């Protein structure tokens, strides 16, 4: 049996391996004051948006801005303070916990390939993807084979020609 961090009898949704959607929906229902079951489709739309934002590396500040934009659009809730920031922090952590758990599970299952270092420089890698074969050949002929090292501290750099008089 492959290793796992999921335990079906755990006391919380994260350790049971459940999706975060129901928990996110409850938090959003409380924030928007929309607790009726008929509001689930509306809430589920915003759950998916929040999940997408977190997956795209949004911060809780981005999520708070999104919540405020929805409040402006729909006109509720009207309470002050709105507490969008604290709600956004909760939403972000719920979604991130699920993403981290899912990634850790994939690592344990051997589904994530090991990162192999490359000897190819970033410059060459980019050139190989942007240039035509002819342009790449010219680039490789013209490019220095090793990066230039910076000048020694006691020698002037190539652009300066002399030492800075303020340097003492």
Protein backbone atom coordinates (compact mmCIF):
# COMPACT_ATOMS: atom_id res chain seq x y z
CA UNK A 1 0.00 0.00 0.00
CA UNK A 2 1.49 3.40 -1.00
CA UNK A 3 2.07 5.98 1.76
CA UNK A 4 -0.64 8.58 2.35
CA UNK A 5 -1.46 11.48 4.62
CA UNK A 6 -5.21 10.94 4.15
CA UNK A 7 -7.12 9.26 6.98
CA UNK A 8 -10.81 8.70 6.17
CA UNK A 9 -11.80 8.69 9.87
CA UNK A 10 -10.00 11.94 10.75
CA UNK A 11 -11.90 14.63 12.60
CA UNK A 12 -11.43 17.35 9.98
CA UNK A 13 -11.94 17.76 6.24
CA UNK A 14 -8.25 18.41 5.51
CA UNK A 15 -7.01 15.13 6.99
CA UNK A 16 -9.93 13.21 5.48
CA UNK A 17 -8.86 14.44 2.04
CA UNK A 18 -12.13 16.23 1.34
CA UNK A 19 -12.46 19.17 -1.03
CA UNK A 20 -12.49 22.62 0.59
CA UNK A 21 -15.66 23.71 -1.23
CA UNK A 22 -18.18 23.06 1.56
CA UNK A 23 -16.03 24.86 4.14
CA UNK A 24 -15.44 27.80 1.81
CA UNK A 25 -19.19 27.95 1.09
CA UNK A 26 -19.96 28.14 4.84
CA UNK A 27 -17.50 31.02 5.33
CA UNK A 28 -18.88 32.88 2.32
CA UNK A 29 -22.47 32.26 3.45
CA UNK A 30 -21.66 33.83 6.80
CA UNK A 31 -19.85 36.78 5.20
CA UNK A 32 -22.56 37.52 2.62
CA UNK A 33 -25.39 36.64 5.03
CA UNK A 34 -26.78 34.15 2.51
CA UNK A 35 -27.45 30.97 4.46
CA UNK A 36 -30.49 29.64 2.61
CA UNK A 37 -29.92 26.41 0.63
CA UNK A 38 -31.25 28.21 -2.46
CA UNK A 39 -28.14 30.44 -2.25
CA UNK A 40 -25.76 27.47 -2.73
CA UNK A 41 -25.38 27.92 -6.52
CA UNK A 42 -24.52 31.60 -6.06
CA UNK A 43 -22.08 30.79 -3.26
CA UNK A 44 -20.54 27.90 -5.21
CA UNK A 45 -19.70 30.29 -8.05
CA UNK A 46 -17.73 32.45 -5.62
CA UNK A 47 -16.11 29.38 -4.04
CA UNK A 48 -14.69 28.45 -7.44
CA UNK A 49 -13.46 32.00 -8.01
CA UNK A 50 -11.70 32.05 -4.62
CA UNK A 51 -10.12 28.64 -5.30
CA UNK A 52 -8.93 29.88 -8.68
CA UNK A 53 -7.48 33.02 -7.15
CA UNK A 54 -5.53 31.07 -4.53
CA UNK A 55 -4.34 28.58 -7.15
CA UNK A 56 -3.14 31.55 -9.22
CA UNK A 57 -1.12 32.79 -6.22
CA UNK A 58 -3.43 35.58 -5.08
CA UNK A 59 -2.91 36.89 -1.56
CA UNK A 60 -5.57 37.42 1.08
CA UNK A 61 -5.46 41.11 0.13
CA UNK A 62 -6.55 40.22 -3.42
CA UNK A 63 -9.34 38.06 -2.03
CA UNK A 64 -10.46 40.86 0.30
CA UNK A 65 -10.61 43.18 -2.72
CA UNK A 66 -12.67 40.61 -4.58
CA UNK A 67 -15.10 40.28 -1.64
CA UNK A 68 -15.49 44.06 -1.48
CA UNK A 69 -16.17 44.19 -5.23
CA UNK A 70 -18.93 41.60 -4.87
CA UNK A 71 -20.43 43.59 -1.98
CA UNK A 72 -20.43 46.74 -4.15
CA UNK A 73 -22.04 44.80 -7.00
CA UNK A 74 -24.81 43.07 -5.01
CA UNK A 75 -25.32 45.74 -2.34
CA UNK A 76 -25.03 43.50 0.70
CA UNK A 77 -24.06 42.95 3.41
CA UNK A 78 -24.41 46.51 4.63
CA UNK A 79 -22.86 46.01 8.08
CA UNK A 80 -19.89 48.05 9.26
CA UNK A 81 -17.18 47.03 9.65
CA UNK A 82 -17.41 44.67 6.72
CA UNK A 83 -14.55 42.39 7.93
CA UNK A 84 -13.58 41.49 4.36
CA UNK A 85 -9.91 41.20 5.32
CA UNK A 86 -10.43 38.69 8.14
CA UNK A 87 -12.81 36.67 5.97
CA UNK A 88 -10.31 36.72 3.12
CA UNK A 89 -7.57 35.44 5.45
CA UNK A 90 -9.84 32.54 6.42
CA UNK A 91 -10.73 31.77 2.81
CA UNK A 92 -7.09 31.89 1.70
CA UNK A 93 -5.94 29.53 4.45
CA UNK A 94 -8.75 27.05 3.79
CA UNK A 95 -7.97 26.90 0.07
CA UNK A 96 -4.20 26.83 0.60
CA UNK A 97 -4.46 23.99 3.14
CA UNK A 98 -6.28 21.89 0.55
CA UNK A 99 -3.77 22.70 -2.20
CA UNK A 100 -0.77 21.93 -0.01
CA UNK A 101 -2.36 18.70 1.22
CA UNK A 102 -3.16 17.61 -2.33
CA UNK A 103 0.38 18.38 -3.51
CA UNK A 104 1.91 16.51 -0.57
CA UNK A 105 -0.31 13.53 -1.34
CA UNK A 106 0.82 13.55 -4.99
CA UNK A 107 4.45 13.69 -3.87
CA UNK A 108 3.91 10.69 -1.57
CA UNK A 109 2.22 8.79 -4.38
CA UNK A 110 5.19 9.43 -6.67
CA UNK A 111 3.15 11.50 -9.12
CA UNK A 112 5.42 14.55 -8.96
CA UNK A 113 8.63 14.21 -10.99
CA UNK A 114 11.90 15.07 -9.32
CA UNK A 115 13.36 18.38 -10.42
CA UNK A 116 16.47 17.66 -12.45
CA UNK A 117 19.02 20.48 -12.55
CA UNK A 118 20.16 21.54 -15.99
CA UNK A 119 23.58 22.71 -17.10
CA UNK A 120 21.91 25.00 -19.65
CA UNK A 121 22.09 28.69 -18.68
CA UNK A 122 18.89 30.69 -18.50
CA UNK A 123 20.07 32.88 -21.39
CA UNK A 124 20.62 29.87 -23.62
CA UNK A 125 17.37 28.22 -22.55
CA UNK A 126 15.38 31.35 -23.43
CA UNK A 127 17.27 31.81 -26.71
CA UNK A 128 16.54 28.19 -27.65
CA UNK A 129 12.82 28.79 -27.26
CA UNK A 130 12.59 32.21 -28.91
CA UNK A 131 15.06 32.12 -31.78
CA UNK A 132 14.88 30.30 -35.09
CA UNK A 133 17.52 27.59 -35.64
CA UNK A 134 19.58 30.02 -37.75
CA UNK A 135 19.35 32.79 -35.17
CA UNK A 136 20.24 30.35 -32.40
CA UNK A 137 23.35 29.21 -34.30
CA UNK A 138 24.44 32.88 -34.74
CA UNK A 139 23.72 33.54 -31.05
CA UNK A 140 25.81 30.55 -29.99
CA UNK A 141 28.69 31.64 -32.27
CA UNK A 142 28.65 35.23 -30.95
CA UNK A 143 27.91 34.56 -27.26
CA UNK A 144 30.85 34.13 -24.91
CA UNK A 145 31.18 30.56 -23.68
CA UNK A 146 31.61 31.61 -20.05
CA UNK A 147 30.07 34.54 -18.22
CA UNK A 148 32.37 37.47 -17.56
CA UNK A 149 33.51 37.84 -13.99
CA UNK A 150 33.23 41.27 -12.35
CA UNK A 151 36.43 43.35 -12.08
CA UNK A 152 38.52 42.97 -8.95
CA UNK A 153 37.58 45.47 -6.21
CA UNK A 154 40.90 47.33 -6.51
CA UNK A 155 40.58 47.82 -10.28
CA UNK A 156 38.26 50.24 -12.05
CA UNK A 157 35.32 48.78 -13.88
CA UNK A 158 35.17 48.87 -17.69
CA UNK A 159 32.79 51.83 -17.78
CA UNK A 160 34.40 54.02 -15.15
CA UNK A 161 38.00 54.44 -16.32
CA UNK A 162 39.08 55.75 -12.90
CA UNK A 163 38.37 55.24 -9.25
CA UNK A 164 35.67 57.25 -7.52
CA UNK A 165 37.43 60.20 -5.81
CA UNK A 166 34.96 60.00 -2.90
CA UNK A 167 36.06 56.41 -2.16
CA UNK A 168 39.00 57.64 -0.11
